[in-house]
Structures are given as structure tokens and as C-alpha cells.
Amino acid sequence: MKIVPKQHKGAKSVTRYSIKLPSISSAKSLFQNARMNLLNVNAWHVIAGPGSAIFEVFSTNGQKINGTVKKGNYLRITIPIIPGSPAGRGADWVRVEKINEEEKQNYQITAMSVRPAPAPITDETEVAHFFSPDSTSTFSIERNNKIVIASVNGRNETPNTKTKSFWAGIRNLLVALGAMIGLNKSQWKKLAKGLIKKRL
């Protein structure tokens, strides 16, 4: 299953954490727990640990959703210390484009792809994220025999400078460049490890 878009421009990133289990049954059990963690986006800041970004799930009409994430939902991202997107009322926003699942002999995968988008809590059409809408992030949990893998793949990461506000464009450029050189790597490392290790 093709889950990660092709890289055409800008930066890309790959963050992975894996663990090998003593048996197929224990690997299946761990995969199911990690899968639920992946879909429980509202708890990602707990899963990743102190200092991590806060992710919240919203519907297309701007209502917060307390359940697991679905295709078409929006994610509000609040990053510690860094000022949020003015177009997103102080937060960055992405839309869930795909949630794919596949299972065959000795292999299972659940993957979610998101893309920068306007905030559903406003009438604003401007993309509320430091990356342009060409960028994607794909979060996945895989089980290959006894190995369970959590991955975060960024593709086509370019700054979102098409903003109405000059200062919003500068903010997006600086935050995006920081992410492109790996300043967000620790966030994704903590999340990938937490998706596999954390039991809520």
C-alpha cells in the first residue's frame, strides 16, 4: 500500500521507532494498542510527553471532537513557545486527507495523512499553517511479523508565505525553516516512541 506521497520539492523527513517482540501474538497485541494511540489524536500530547505539541480533533464545522479521528477531520496544533498562525487564531491547522488500513499474512498497517489547511473555526480561506498546502505528514503504525514500527514521514515541506499579513508570512517562513532543518525532530521522536510504548 502506497501511504507516503512522492517527494517533489522542498524538504522531507523520516522519523521511526521500532520494537521486536518475542512472539507474533505479542506483536499483534502491541500493534493494536499502538493503532489506537495513533487514532486517539487528542491524547498525542500525553503520549509524546511533557513539552510536546497539543493536537486536537475538530469537525468540518469547527466543533471539537472527543472521539477518535476520522477522514475529513481537522487537527488544531498548538506548539509550545512558538507563536501560532494568525489565520488559525493562534494555532496551526491540518486536514486529515486519508486514513488507510491493510492487513495480510504477517503484516498490518494503519496510516493517516494530513495536509495544511484553513482553520474550520473561521470563515478565513487562508491556509493556517507554517508549511504550504503542498506539504504532507503521514503517521503510521506497522506490524511486520514480530516487529512493530511507528513512523512519521514529512514530504514536500515548503514554507507557507502566501499570507495576507506580512508578519504572518515571516512567522511561517521562520518556523518552517526551523522544522525543515530538524528542529521538530524531537517532537516526532517522542511521538513515535510513545505511540508504541504508551498504554492509556
Protein backbone atom coordinates (compact mmCIF):
# COMPACT_ATOMS: atom_id res chain seq x y z
CA MET A 1 0.00 0.00 0.00
CA LYS A 2 1.36 3.38 -1.01
CA ILE A 3 0.91 5.56 2.05
CA VAL A 4 3.55 8.30 1.70
CA PRO A 5 3.32 10.81 -1.19
CA LYS A 6 6.25 11.14 -3.58
CA GLN A 7 8.85 13.80 -2.81
CA HIS A 8 8.92 16.55 -5.45
CA LYS A 9 10.22 19.70 -3.77
CA GLY A 10 11.30 21.24 -0.52
CA ALA A 11 12.40 19.17 2.45
CA LYS A 12 11.43 15.71 3.58
CA SER A 13 11.78 13.94 6.91
CA VAL A 14 11.54 10.40 8.23
CA THR A 15 11.23 9.52 11.91
CA ARG A 16 10.87 5.89 13.01
CA TYR A 17 10.76 3.88 16.20
CA SER A 18 10.53 0.09 16.19
CA ILE A 19 10.48 -2.77 18.64
CA LYS A 20 10.82 -6.52 18.14
CA LEU A 21 8.52 -8.74 20.18
CA PRO A 22 9.14 -12.33 21.31
CA SER A 23 6.08 -13.71 19.51
CA ILE A 24 3.56 -12.96 16.76
CA SER A 25 0.73 -12.79 19.31
CA SER A 26 2.54 -10.22 21.46
CA ALA A 27 3.38 -8.20 18.32
CA LYS A 28 -0.30 -8.23 17.28
CA SER A 29 -1.32 -7.07 20.74
CA LEU A 30 1.22 -4.24 20.71
CA PHE A 31 0.15 -3.23 17.20
CA GLN A 32 -3.49 -2.93 18.29
CA ASN A 33 -2.55 -0.71 21.23
CA ALA A 34 -0.29 1.46 19.04
CA ARG A 35 -3.04 1.68 16.42
CA MET A 36 -5.50 3.01 18.99
CA ASN A 37 -2.89 5.50 20.18
CA LEU A 38 -2.43 6.69 16.59
CA LEU A 39 -6.16 7.30 16.13
CA ASN A 40 -6.52 8.90 19.57
CA VAL A 41 -5.05 12.20 18.35
CA ASN A 42 -6.49 14.20 21.26
CA ALA A 43 -4.12 12.29 23.56
CA TRP A 44 -0.96 12.72 21.48
CA HIS A 45 0.46 15.33 23.87
CA VAL A 46 0.10 12.78 26.71
CA ILE A 47 1.53 10.01 24.52
CA ALA A 48 4.53 12.13 23.45
CA GLY A 49 5.15 13.51 26.93
CA PRO A 50 5.98 16.89 28.52
CA GLY A 51 6.86 19.78 26.23
CA SER A 52 5.19 18.30 23.15
CA ALA A 53 2.67 19.99 20.89
CA ILE A 54 -1.04 19.71 21.66
CA PHE A 55 -3.18 18.14 18.91
CA GLU A 56 -6.98 18.46 18.97
CA VAL A 57 -9.54 16.97 16.59
CA PHE A 58 -12.23 19.20 15.02
CA SER A 59 -15.13 18.61 12.65
CA THR A 60 -15.60 20.42 9.33
CA ASN A 61 -17.95 22.88 11.04
CA GLY A 62 -15.41 23.77 13.71
CA GLN A 63 -16.71 21.67 16.59
CA LYS A 64 -14.23 19.87 18.82
CA ILE A 65 -14.47 16.06 18.62
CA ASN A 66 -13.66 13.94 21.66
CA GLY A 67 -13.55 10.58 19.85
CA THR A 68 -11.04 9.01 17.51
CA VAL A 69 -10.00 10.82 14.36
CA LYS A 70 -11.75 10.25 11.01
CA LYS A 71 -11.00 11.16 7.42
CA GLY A 72 -12.06 14.76 6.75
CA ASN A 73 -11.50 15.92 10.34
CA TYR A 74 -9.21 18.84 11.12
CA LEU A 75 -6.38 18.90 13.66
CA ARG A 76 -5.59 22.02 15.65
CA ILE A 77 -1.91 22.08 16.60
CA THR A 78 -0.62 24.27 19.42
CA ILE A 79 3.17 24.33 19.57
CA PRO A 80 4.78 25.34 22.89
CA ILE A 81 6.66 28.68 22.91
CA ILE A 82 6.21 29.31 19.16
CA PRO A 83 3.51 31.89 18.22
CA GLY A 84 0.64 30.26 16.34
CA SER A 85 -0.74 31.12 12.92
CA PRO A 86 -2.80 34.36 12.92
CA ALA A 87 -5.10 32.83 10.29
CA GLY A 88 -5.73 29.92 12.67
CA ARG A 89 -6.44 32.08 15.73
CA GLY A 90 -3.11 31.27 17.31
CA ALA A 91 -2.78 27.66 16.17
CA ASP A 92 -1.69 25.71 13.10
CA TRP A 93 -4.24 23.52 11.29
CA VAL A 94 -4.18 20.45 9.05
CA ARG A 95 -6.90 18.37 7.44
CA VAL A 96 -6.96 14.57 7.57
CA GLU A 97 -6.84 13.51 3.92
CA LYS A 98 -6.59 9.75 4.30
CA ILE A 99 -6.79 7.00 6.88
CA ASN A 100 -5.69 3.71 5.35
CA GLU A 101 -5.66 0.26 6.90
CA GLU A 102 -4.46 -3.02 5.46
CA GLU A 103 -3.93 -6.49 6.82
CA LYS A 104 -2.44 -9.56 5.17
CA GLN A 105 -0.39 -12.53 6.31
CA ASN A 106 2.12 -11.39 8.93
CA TYR A 107 1.61 -7.71 8.04
CA GLN A 108 -0.69 -4.95 9.32
CA ILE A 109 -0.68 -1.20 8.84
CA THR A 110 -2.75 1.81 9.87
CA ALA A 111 -1.73 5.16 8.37
CA MET A 112 -3.05 8.71 8.47
CA SER A 113 -2.03 11.53 6.10
CA VAL A 114 -2.65 15.20 6.84
CA ARG A 115 -2.18 18.41 4.85
CA PRO A 116 -2.06 22.11 5.92
CA ALA A 117 -5.49 23.73 5.61
CA PRO A 118 -7.60 26.75 6.57
CA ALA A 119 -9.00 26.66 10.10
CA PRO A 120 -12.60 25.37 10.24
CA ILE A 121 -13.35 27.65 13.20
CA THR A 122 -13.25 30.77 10.99
CA ASP A 123 -14.52 31.89 7.59
CA GLU A 124 -10.91 32.54 6.61
CA THR A 125 -9.75 30.75 3.44
CA GLU A 126 -6.04 31.31 4.10
CA VAL A 127 -4.07 28.18 5.00
CA ALA A 128 -3.35 28.31 8.74
CA HIS A 129 0.00 26.53 8.93
CA PHE A 130 3.67 27.35 8.59
CA PHE A 131 4.00 24.80 5.76
CA SER A 132 2.34 25.27 2.36
CA PRO A 133 -0.57 23.02 1.32
CA ASP A 134 1.86 21.10 -0.92
CA SER A 135 3.31 19.60 2.27
CA THR A 136 2.05 16.41 3.89
CA SER A 137 2.69 14.46 7.07
CA THR A 138 1.94 10.74 7.23
CA PHE A 139 1.73 8.95 10.58
CA SER A 140 1.73 5.15 10.54
CA ILE A 141 1.86 2.02 12.67
CA GLU A 142 3.05 -1.20 11.01
CA ARG A 143 3.49 -4.77 12.12
CA ASN A 144 5.88 -6.87 10.07
CA ASN A 145 5.91 -10.33 11.67
CA LYS A 146 7.24 -9.69 15.20
CA ILE A 147 8.37 -6.09 14.56
CA VAL A 148 6.11 -3.10 15.26
CA ILE A 149 7.10 0.23 13.70
CA ALA A 150 5.84 3.76 14.25
CA SER A 151 6.73 6.27 11.52
CA VAL A 152 6.26 9.96 10.81
CA ASN A 153 7.01 10.96 7.22
CA GLY A 154 7.08 14.57 6.05
CA ARG A 155 7.07 15.27 2.31
CA ASN A 156 7.31 18.34 0.06
CA GLU A 157 7.81 20.65 3.03
CA THR A 158 7.95 24.29 1.89
CA PRO A 159 7.15 27.50 3.82
CA ASN A 160 3.66 28.98 3.55
CA THR A 161 4.41 32.56 2.56
CA LYS A 162 1.14 33.21 0.72
CA THR A 163 -0.38 35.12 3.59
CA LYS A 164 -2.41 38.32 3.83
CA SER A 165 -0.25 39.57 6.67
CA PHE A 166 3.45 40.31 6.08
CA TRP A 167 4.29 39.29 9.63
CA ALA A 168 2.35 36.02 9.29
CA GLY A 169 4.47 35.24 6.25
CA ILE A 170 7.67 35.96 8.18
CA ARG A 171 6.46 33.81 11.09
CA ASN A 172 5.64 30.93 8.75
CA LEU A 173 8.98 31.23 6.97
CA LEU A 174 10.99 31.14 10.20
CA VAL A 175 9.02 28.28 11.78
CA ALA A 176 9.05 26.27 8.54
CA LEU A 177 12.80 26.70 8.06
CA GLY A 178 13.33 25.54 11.64
CA ALA A 179 11.23 22.45 11.00
CA MET A 180 12.98 21.78 7.69
CA ILE A 181 16.39 21.68 9.39
CA GLY A 182 15.07 19.27 12.00
CA LEU A 183 14.07 21.38 14.99
CA ASN A 184 10.80 19.42 15.20
CA LYS A 185 12.61 16.07 15.11
CA SER A 186 12.46 15.62 18.89
CA GLN A 187 8.66 16.08 18.80
CA TRP A 188 8.26 13.31 16.24
CA LYS A 189 10.75 11.04 18.01
CA LYS A 190 8.81 11.33 21.27
CA LEU A 191 5.51 10.76 19.49
CA ALA A 192 6.73 7.71 17.53
CA LYS A 193 8.13 6.10 20.67
CA GLY A 194 5.05 6.98 22.69
CA LEU A 195 2.65 5.53 20.10
CA ILE A 196 4.27 2.15 20.60
CA LYS A 197 5.20 2.27 24.28
CA LYS A 198 2.35 4.20 25.91
CA ARG A 199 -0.71 2.43 27.31
CA LEU A 200 -3.55 4.82 28.11
